[in-house]
C-alpha atoms as a PDB file:
ATOM      1  CA  MET A   1     -22.647  26.876  16.925  1.00  0.00           C
ATOM      2  CA  ASN A   2     -19.859  26.797  19.536  1.00  0.00           C
ATOM      3  CA  ARG A   3     -20.194  23.114  20.332  1.00  0.00           C
ATOM      4  CA  LEU A   4     -16.803  23.095  22.074  1.00  0.00           C
ATOM      5  CA  SER A   5     -16.398  24.251  25.648  1.00  0.00           C
ATOM      6  CA  ASN A   6     -13.176  25.338  27.298  1.00  0.00           C
ATOM      7  CA  PRO A   7     -13.167  28.531  29.364  1.00  0.00           C
ATOM      8  CA  GLU A   8      -9.396  28.636  29.735  1.00  0.00           C
ATOM      9  CA  LEU A   9      -6.527  28.607  27.276  1.00  0.00           C
ATOM     10  CA  THR A  10      -4.793  25.236  27.409  1.00  0.00           C
ATOM     11  CA  ILE A  11      -1.355  24.702  25.925  1.00  0.00           C
ATOM     12  CA  LEU A  12      -0.715  21.380  24.216  1.00  0.00           C
ATOM     13  CA  ARG A  13       2.987  20.783  23.737  1.00  0.00           C
ATOM     14  CA  LYS A  14       4.127  18.568  20.901  1.00  0.00           C
ATOM     15  CA  SER A  15       7.548  17.540  19.665  1.00  0.00           C
ATOM     16  CA  THR A  16       8.308  18.153  16.034  1.00  0.00           C
ATOM     17  CA  PRO A  17       9.366  15.532  13.471  1.00  0.00           C
ATOM     18  CA  ALA A  18      12.664  16.173  11.738  1.00  0.00           C
ATOM     19  CA  VAL A  19      10.930  17.119   8.493  1.00  0.00           C
ATOM     20  CA  GLN A  20       7.594  18.887   8.142  1.00  0.00           C
ATOM     21  CA  PRO A  21       5.656  19.064   4.870  1.00  0.00           C
ATOM     22  CA  ALA A  22       5.354  22.350   3.032  1.00  0.00           C
ATOM     23  CA  GLU A  23       2.695  24.569   4.572  1.00  0.00           C
ATOM     24  CA  GLU A  24       0.670  24.942   1.405  1.00  0.00           C
ATOM     25  CA  HIS A  25       0.513  21.183   0.810  1.00  0.00           C
ATOM     26  CA  ALA A  26       0.297  20.016   4.404  1.00  0.00           C
ATOM     27  CA  VAL A  27      -2.479  17.499   3.829  1.00  0.00           C
ATOM     28  CA  ALA A  28      -1.192  15.750   0.738  1.00  0.00           C
ATOM     29  CA  PRO A  29       2.364  14.580   1.552  1.00  0.00           C
ATOM     30  CA  VAL A  30       1.837  13.275   5.091  1.00  0.00           C
ATOM     31  CA  ARG A  31       1.958   9.473   4.876  1.00  0.00           C
ATOM     32  CA  ILE A  32       0.091   7.550   7.559  1.00  0.00           C
ATOM     33  CA  GLY A  33      -1.585   4.208   8.078  1.00  0.00           C
ATOM     34  CA  ILE A  34      -5.258   3.890   7.184  1.00  0.00           C
ATOM     35  CA  GLY A  35      -7.898   2.930   9.724  1.00  0.00           C
ATOM     36  CA  ALA A  36      -5.757   2.881  12.858  1.00  0.00           C
ATOM     37  CA  VAL A  37      -5.617   5.963  15.094  1.00  0.00           C
ATOM     38  CA  ALA A  38      -2.746   4.434  17.068  1.00  0.00           C
ATOM     39  CA  ARG A  39      -0.477   4.705  14.029  1.00  0.00           C
ATOM     40  CA  HIS A  40      -0.599   8.494  14.043  1.00  0.00           C
ATOM     41  CA  HIS A  41       1.900  10.662  15.859  1.00  0.00           C
ATOM     42  CA  SER A  42       0.843  10.586  19.500  1.00  0.00           C
ATOM     43  CA  SER A  43       0.666  14.391  19.672  1.00  0.00           C
ATOM     44  CA  PHE A  44      -2.039  14.511  17.024  1.00  0.00           C
ATOM     45  CA  VAL A  45      -3.956  11.710  18.723  1.00  0.00           C
ATOM     46  CA  GLU A  46      -3.821  13.632  22.020  1.00  0.00           C
ATOM     47  CA  LEU A  47      -4.963  16.792  20.278  1.00  0.00           C
ATOM     48  CA  TYR A  48      -7.871  15.013  18.606  1.00  0.00           C
ATOM     49  CA  TYR A  49      -9.158  13.437  21.815  1.00  0.00           C
ATOM     50  CA  ALA A  50      -8.610  16.655  23.779  1.00  0.00           C
ATOM     51  CA  ILE A  51     -10.955  18.416  21.365  1.00  0.00           C
ATOM     52  CA  GLU A  52     -13.416  15.511  21.437  1.00  0.00           C
ATOM     53  CA  ALA A  53     -13.516  15.729  25.242  1.00  0.00           C
ATOM     54  CA  ARG A  54     -14.669  19.342  24.970  1.00  0.00           C
ATOM     55  CA  ARG A  55     -17.565  18.604  22.622  1.00  0.00           C
ATOM     56  CA  THR A  56     -20.962  19.540  23.998  1.00  0.00           C
ATOM     57  CA  SER A  57     -22.965  18.096  21.101  1.00  0.00           C
ATOM     58  CA  ALA A  58     -22.890  15.195  18.649  1.00  0.00           C
ATOM     59  CA  MET A  59     -23.669  17.609  15.805  1.00  0.00           C
ATOM     60  CA  PRO A  60     -21.093  18.150  13.018  1.00  0.00           C
ATOM     61  CA  LEU A  61     -18.061  20.093  14.163  1.00  0.00           C
ATOM     62  CA  VAL A  62     -16.198  22.956  12.452  1.00  0.00           C
ATOM     63  CA  VAL A  63     -12.719  23.541  13.902  1.00  0.00           C
ATOM     64  CA  GLN A  64     -10.457  26.406  12.867  1.00  0.00           C
ATOM     65  CA  PHE A  65      -6.647  26.233  13.068  1.00  0.00           C
ATOM     66  CA  ILE A  66      -4.977  29.629  13.152  1.00  0.00           C
ATOM     67  CA  SER A  67      -1.716  31.159  14.360  1.00  0.00           C
ATOM     68  CA  PRO A  68      -0.818  34.610  15.731  1.00  0.00           C
ATOM     69  CA  THR A  69       2.138  34.894  13.321  1.00  0.00           C
ATOM     70  CA  PRO A  70       3.234  33.317  10.030  1.00  0.00           C
ATOM     71  CA  GLY A  71       5.412  30.205  10.058  1.00  0.00           C
ATOM     72  CA  ALA A  72       4.022  28.571  13.208  1.00  0.00           C
ATOM     73  CA  GLY A  73       2.973  25.398  11.364  1.00  0.00           C
ATOM     74  CA  ALA A  74      -0.810  25.772  11.571  1.00  0.00           C
ATOM     75  CA  SER A  75      -1.298  23.793   8.346  1.00  0.00           C
ATOM     76  CA  PHE A  76       0.862  20.959   9.624  1.00  0.00           C
ATOM     77  CA  VAL A  77      -1.045  20.709  12.906  1.00  0.00           C
ATOM     78  CA  ALA A  78      -4.416  21.055  11.164  1.00  0.00           C
ATOM     79  CA  SER A  79      -3.602  18.239   8.746  1.00  0.00           C
ATOM     80  CA  GLY A  80      -2.409  15.972  11.561  1.00  0.00           C
ATOM     81  CA  TYR A  81      -5.623  16.543  13.483  1.00  0.00           C
ATOM     82  CA  ALA A  82      -7.711  16.008  10.333  1.00  0.00           C
ATOM     83  CA  ARG A  83      -6.062  12.669   9.571  1.00  0.00           C
ATOM     84  CA  VAL A  84      -6.713  11.319  13.063  1.00  0.00           C
ATOM     85  CA  ALA A  85     -10.323  12.515  12.854  1.00  0.00           C
ATOM     86  CA  ALA A  86     -10.696  10.826   9.463  1.00  0.00           C
ATOM     87  CA  ASP A  87      -9.542   7.498  10.875  1.00  0.00           C
ATOM     88  CA  ASP A  88     -11.901   7.786  13.842  1.00  0.00           C
ATOM     89  CA  CYS A  89     -15.039   8.883  11.952  1.00  0.00           C
ATOM     90  CA  ALA A  90     -17.363   6.637   9.996  1.00  0.00           C
ATOM     91  CA  GLN A  91     -18.060   9.421   7.481  1.00  0.00           C
ATOM     92  CA  PRO A  92     -15.438  11.387   5.523  1.00  0.00           C
ATOM     93  CA  VAL A  93     -13.760  14.372   7.181  1.00  0.00           C
ATOM     94  CA  LEU A  94     -13.304  17.563   5.133  1.00  0.00           C
ATOM     95  CA  TYR A  95     -10.159  19.703   5.254  1.00  0.00           C
ATOM     96  CA  ILE A  96     -10.595  23.191   3.746  1.00  0.00           C
ATOM     97  CA  ASP A  97      -7.477  25.138   2.814  1.00  0.00           C
ATOM     98  CA  CYS A  98      -8.298  28.829   3.288  1.00  0.00           C
ATOM     99  CA  ASN A  99      -4.773  30.021   2.469  1.00  0.00           C
ATOM    100  CA  PRO A 100      -3.670  31.632  -0.819  1.00  0.00           C
ATOM    101  CA  ALA A 101      -2.759  29.098  -3.488  1.00  0.00           C
ATOM    102  CA  PRO A 102       1.018  28.655  -3.899  1.00  0.00           C
ATOM    103  CA  PRO A 103       2.467  30.576  -6.875  1.00  0.00           C
ATOM    104  CA  LYS A 104       3.103  28.547 -10.006  1.00  0.00           C
ATOM    105  CA  PRO A 105       6.593  28.352 -11.523  1.00  0.00           C
ATOM    106  CA  ARG A 106       7.032  30.813 -14.383  1.00  0.00           C
ATOM    107  CA  ARG A 107       7.449  28.081 -16.977  1.00  0.00           C
ATOM    108  CA  ALA A 108       4.710  25.821 -15.655  1.00  0.00           C
ATOM    109  CA  PRO A 109       2.119  24.680 -18.251  1.00  0.00           C
ATOM    110  CA  ALA A 110      -1.060  26.738 -18.318  1.00  0.00           C
ATOM    111  CA  ASP A 111      -3.307  24.034 -16.887  1.00  0.00           C
ATOM    112  CA  PRO A 112      -6.826  25.014 -15.791  1.00  0.00           C
ATOM    113  CA  GLN A 113      -7.045  25.979 -12.143  1.00  0.00           C
ATOM    114  CA  PRO A 114      -8.718  23.383  -9.876  1.00  0.00           C
ATOM    115  CA  LEU A 115     -12.276  24.211  -8.921  1.00  0.00           C
ATOM    116  CA  THR A 116     -12.594  25.867  -5.502  1.00  0.00           C
ATOM    117  CA  LEU A 117     -15.580  25.862  -3.169  1.00  0.00           C
ATOM    118  CA  PHE A 118     -16.139  29.523  -4.035  1.00  0.00           C
ATOM    119  CA  ASP A 119     -16.212  28.662  -7.748  1.00  0.00           C
ATOM    120  CA  ALA A 120     -18.726  25.881  -7.179  1.00  0.00           C
ATOM    121  CA  LEU A 121     -20.936  28.131  -5.047  1.00  0.00           C
ATOM    122  CA  ARG A 122     -20.812  30.973  -7.582  1.00  0.00           C
ATOM    123  CA  ARG A 123     -21.641  28.714 -10.522  1.00  0.00           C
ATOM    124  CA  GLY A 124     -24.432  26.894  -8.741  1.00  0.00           C
ATOM    125  CA  LEU A 125     -22.551  23.584  -8.875  1.00  0.00           C
ATOM    126  CA  PRO A 126     -22.567  20.943  -6.122  1.00  0.00           C
ATOM    127  CA  LEU A 127     -19.873  21.720  -3.559  1.00  0.00           C
ATOM    128  CA  THR A 128     -18.670  18.145  -3.956  1.00  0.00           C
ATOM    129  CA  ASP A 129     -17.340  19.132  -7.395  1.00  0.00           C
ATOM    130  CA  ALA A 130     -14.567  21.044  -5.596  1.00  0.00           C
ATOM    131  CA  VAL A 131     -13.734  18.241  -3.169  1.00  0.00           C
ATOM    132  CA  VAL A 132     -11.000  15.649  -3.796  1.00  0.00           C
ATOM    133  CA  HIS A 133      -9.496  12.803  -1.793  1.00  0.00           C
ATOM    134  CA  ALA A 134      -6.413  13.669   0.223  1.00  0.00           C
ATOM    135  CA  ARG A 135      -3.403  11.562  -0.646  1.00  0.00           C
ATOM    136  CA  ASP A 136      -2.942   8.328   1.319  1.00  0.00           C
ATOM    137  CA  SER A 137      -6.266   8.619   3.098  1.00  0.00           C
ATOM    138  CA  LYS A 138      -9.546   7.021   2.074  1.00  0.00           C
ATOM    139  CA  ASN A 139     -11.643   8.980   4.558  1.00  0.00           C
ATOM    140  CA  LEU A 140     -10.106  12.469   4.351  1.00  0.00           C
ATOM    141  CA  LEU A 141     -11.265  14.921   1.690  1.00  0.00           C
ATOM    142  CA  TRP A 142      -9.603  18.183   0.676  1.00  0.00           C
ATOM    143  CA  ALA A 143     -10.847  21.409  -0.898  1.00  0.00           C
ATOM    144  CA  ARG A 144      -9.472  24.886  -1.510  1.00  0.00           C
ATOM    145  CA  LEU A 145     -11.775  27.659  -0.312  1.00  0.00           C
ATOM    146  CA  ALA A 146     -11.298  30.262  -3.032  1.00  0.00           C
ATOM    147  CA  PRO A 147      -8.750  31.592  -5.529  1.00  0.00           C
ATOM    148  CA  GLY A 148      -6.663  34.722  -5.104  1.00  0.00           C
ATOM    149  CA  GLU A 149      -4.367  36.218  -2.509  1.00  0.00           C
ATOM    150  CA  ARG A 150      -7.102  36.554   0.144  1.00  0.00           C
ATOM    151  CA  PRO A 151      -9.564  33.684  -0.308  1.00  0.00           C
ATOM    152  CA  LEU A 152     -11.642  34.573   2.740  1.00  0.00           C
ATOM    153  CA  MET A 153     -12.235  38.080   1.415  1.00  0.00           C
ATOM    154  CA  ALA A 154     -13.422  36.636  -1.902  1.00  0.00           C
ATOM    155  CA  LEU A 155     -16.057  34.527  -0.191  1.00  0.00           C
ATOM    156  CA  GLY A 156     -17.348  36.886   2.494  1.00  0.00           C
ATOM    157  CA  GLY A 157     -18.955  36.095   5.840  1.00  0.00           C
ATOM    158  CA  ASP A 158     -22.540  35.432   4.752  1.00  0.00           C
ATOM    159  CA  ARG A 159     -21.560  33.066   1.962  1.00  0.00           C
ATOM    160  CA  LEU A 160     -19.050  31.322   4.225  1.00  0.00           C
ATOM    161  CA  GLN A 161     -21.726  30.661   6.824  1.00  0.00           C
ATOM    162  CA  SER A 162     -24.145  29.429   4.156  1.00  0.00           C
ATOM    163  CA  MET A 163     -21.475  27.164   2.699  1.00  0.00           C
ATOM    164  CA  LEU A 164     -20.545  25.700   6.096  1.00  0.00           C
ATOM    165  CA  ASP A 165     -24.213  25.051   6.863  1.00  0.00           C
ATOM    166  CA  MET A 166     -24.455  23.033   3.651  1.00  0.00           C
ATOM    167  CA  LEU A 167     -21.240  21.130   4.337  1.00  0.00           C
ATOM    168  CA  ARG A 168     -22.295  20.229   7.878  1.00  0.00           C
ATOM    169  CA  GLY A 169     -24.952  18.001   6.354  1.00  0.00           C
ATOM    170  CA  SER A 170     -22.299  15.800   4.740  1.00  0.00           C
ATOM    171  CA  TYR A 171     -19.250  15.838   7.024  1.00  0.00           C
ATOM    172  CA  PRO A 172     -19.023  15.133  10.790  1.00  0.00           C
ATOM    173  CA  VAL A 173     -15.813  17.174  11.108  1.00  0.00           C
ATOM    174  CA  ILE A 174     -14.761  20.150   8.982  1.00  0.00           C
ATOM    175  CA  VAL A 175     -11.242  21.524   9.478  1.00  0.00           C
ATOM    176  CA  LEU A 176     -10.517  25.112   8.430  1.00  0.00           C
ATOM    177  CA  ASP A 177      -6.840  25.871   7.880  1.00  0.00           C
ATOM    178  CA  THR A 178      -6.735  29.674   7.904  1.00  0.00           C
ATOM    179  CA  PRO A 179      -4.027  32.375   7.607  1.00  0.00           C
ATOM    180  CA  PRO A 180      -2.618  34.035  10.753  1.00  0.00           C
ATOM    181  CA  THR A 181      -4.677  36.460  12.837  1.00  0.00           C
ATOM    182  CA  GLU A 182      -2.820  39.390  11.254  1.00  0.00           C
ATOM    183  CA  ALA A 183      -5.377  39.003   8.444  1.00  0.00           C
ATOM    184  CA  PRO A 184      -8.596  40.469   9.938  1.00  0.00           C
ATOM    185  CA  GLU A 185     -10.844  38.265   7.785  1.00  0.00           C
ATOM    186  CA  SER A 186      -9.047  35.181   9.087  1.00  0.00           C
ATOM    187  CA  ALA A 187      -9.725  36.082  12.705  1.00  0.00           C
ATOM    188  CA  ALA A 188     -13.352  36.911  11.862  1.00  0.00           C
ATOM    189  CA  VAL A 189     -13.886  33.346  10.573  1.00  0.00           C
ATOM    190  CA  SER A 190     -13.833  32.167  14.188  1.00  0.00           C
ATOM    191  CA  ARG A 191     -17.435  33.321  14.695  1.00  0.00           C
ATOM    192  CA  TYR A 192     -18.617  30.715  12.167  1.00  0.00           C
ATOM    193  CA  CYS A 193     -16.718  27.862  13.830  1.00  0.00           C
ATOM    194  CA  ASP A 194     -17.432  25.725  16.867  1.00  0.00           C
ATOM    195  CA  GLY A 195     -13.946  26.380  18.183  1.00  0.00           C
ATOM    196  CA  SER A 196     -10.536  27.769  17.202  1.00  0.00           C
ATOM    197  CA  VAL A 197      -7.155  26.195  17.954  1.00  0.00           C
ATOM    198  CA  ILE A 198      -4.255  28.637  18.158  1.00  0.00           C
ATOM    199  CA  VAL A 199      -0.978  27.207  16.835  1.00  0.00           C
ATOM    200  CA  VAL A 200       2.170  28.876  18.177  1.00  0.00           C
ATOM    201  CA  ALA A 201       5.841  28.301  17.402  1.00  0.00           C
ATOM    202  CA  ALA A 202       8.083  27.282  20.302  1.00  0.00           C
ATOM    203  CA  GLY A 203      10.733  29.883  21.000  1.00  0.00           C
ATOM    204  CA  ARG A 204       9.301  32.303  18.440  1.00  0.00           C
ATOM    205  CA  THR A 205       5.734  33.268  19.296  1.00  0.00           C
ATOM    206  CA  LYS A 206       5.586  35.700  22.203  1.00  0.00           C
ATOM    207  CA  GLN A 207       3.179  35.326  25.109  1.00  0.00           C
ATOM    208  CA  TRP A 208       1.557  38.662  24.326  1.00  0.00           C
ATOM    209  CA  GLU A 209       0.980  37.535  20.737  1.00  0.00           C
ATOM    210  CA  ILE A 210      -0.880  34.467  22.000  1.00  0.00           C
ATOM    211  CA  GLU A 211      -2.977  36.531  24.401  1.00  0.00           C
ATOM    212  CA  ASN A 212      -3.735  39.134  21.726  1.00  0.00           C
ATOM    213  CA  ALA A 213      -4.787  36.432  19.260  1.00  0.00           C
ATOM    214  CA  LYS A 214      -7.063  34.810  21.826  1.00  0.00           C
ATOM    215  CA  ALA A 215      -8.621  38.158  22.755  1.00  0.00           C
ATOM    216  CA  LEU A 216      -9.133  39.077  19.086  1.00  0.00           C
ATOM    217  CA  LEU A 217     -10.862  35.786  18.223  1.00  0.00           C
ATOM    218  CA  GLU A 218     -13.196  36.080  21.186  1.00  0.00           C
ATOM    219  CA  ARG A 219     -13.884  39.757  20.518  1.00  0.00           C
ATOM    220  CA  LEU A 220     -14.999  38.814  17.011  1.00  0.00           C
ATOM    221  CA  GLY A 221     -17.408  36.205  18.328  1.00  0.00           C
ATOM    222  CA  GLY A 222     -15.209  33.118  18.265  1.00  0.00           C
ATOM    223  CA  GLN A 223     -14.195  30.683  20.983  1.00  0.00           C
ATOM    224  CA  THR A 224     -10.679  29.398  21.548  1.00  0.00           C
ATOM    225  CA  VAL A 225     -10.417  25.715  22.373  1.00  0.00           C
ATOM    226  CA  GLY A 226      -6.730  25.817  23.221  1.00  0.00           C
ATOM    227  CA  ALA A 227      -3.274  26.391  21.811  1.00  0.00           C
ATOM    228  CA  VAL A 228      -0.722  23.986  20.384  1.00  0.00           C
ATOM    229  CA  LEU A 229       2.930  24.746  21.056  1.00  0.00           C
ATOM    230  CA  ASN A 230       4.459  23.498  17.810  1.00  0.00           C
ATOM    231  CA  ARG A 231       8.060  22.862  16.786  1.00  0.00           C
ATOM    232  CA  GLU A 232       9.230  22.259  20.324  1.00  0.00           C
ATOM    233  CA  PRO A 233      12.713  20.674  20.369  1.00  0.00           C
ATOM    234  CA  GLY A 234      12.125  17.442  22.203  1.00  0.00           C
ATOM    235  CA  VAL A 235      11.493  13.737  21.869  1.00  0.00           C
ATOM    236  CA  LEU A 236       8.198  13.030  23.591  1.00  0.00           C
ATOM    237  CA  PRO A 237       5.063  15.195  23.615  1.00  0.00           C
ATOM    238  CA  ARG A 238       4.114  16.574  27.012  1.00  0.00           C
ATOM    239  CA  TRP A 239       1.042  18.206  28.368  1.00  0.00           C
ATOM    240  CA  MET A 240       1.114  21.487  30.200  1.00  0.00           C
ATOM    241  CA  GLY A 241      -1.540  22.253  32.793  1.00  0.00           C
ATOM    242  CA  ARG A 242      -4.205  24.879  32.427  1.00  0.00           C
ATOM    243  CA  ARG A 243      -2.969  28.416  32.548  1.00  0.00           C
END
């Protein structure tokens, strides 16, 4: 555990495309080229290699993406990182959506709910039964953690750790897209990850909110890798030095 090392909080600044995909479907709609890291947005490539540079082991990696407040774009950043990782890895990369499922329209047909990892674990089914291919990517897989308003509460810490241990045997990189730190169970997930990336919104997230989020994650046994300053009005991504 904790196979990422970075003693200081580093801010990665990235410019924002004109249109971002919906938070709850961040993986699916993003269209990218297959098999060529250079085709991705340069900010996501920088983020991916920045995390790779902090790896202290070749063992499978679990990375959490979390924000101090809602609306910072954590799902968007997590999906961008996951797609670059998928193009760079020989084995499939797994993206796990730990957020509540989006509400269905009132008149939507009563189709059966897709199987979640929690459902598969509870029924004794292979976890792969809850895993599907992400759109437009042959090497990126997607799964929803659990049903309900608070998926992480449904699963619980012990079962989450057991599930991640099983998944590490099949995937070199596992990306956890979690709700903001205002949900205590979301912050507590950090202890089961090798590192947590804090996603903050330019011009909206306050410095004290970033510091409080970092302190909370580390108090609960997690380790922050760095922070991404998202939705910055600009043209080119820029790096800020260590704080």
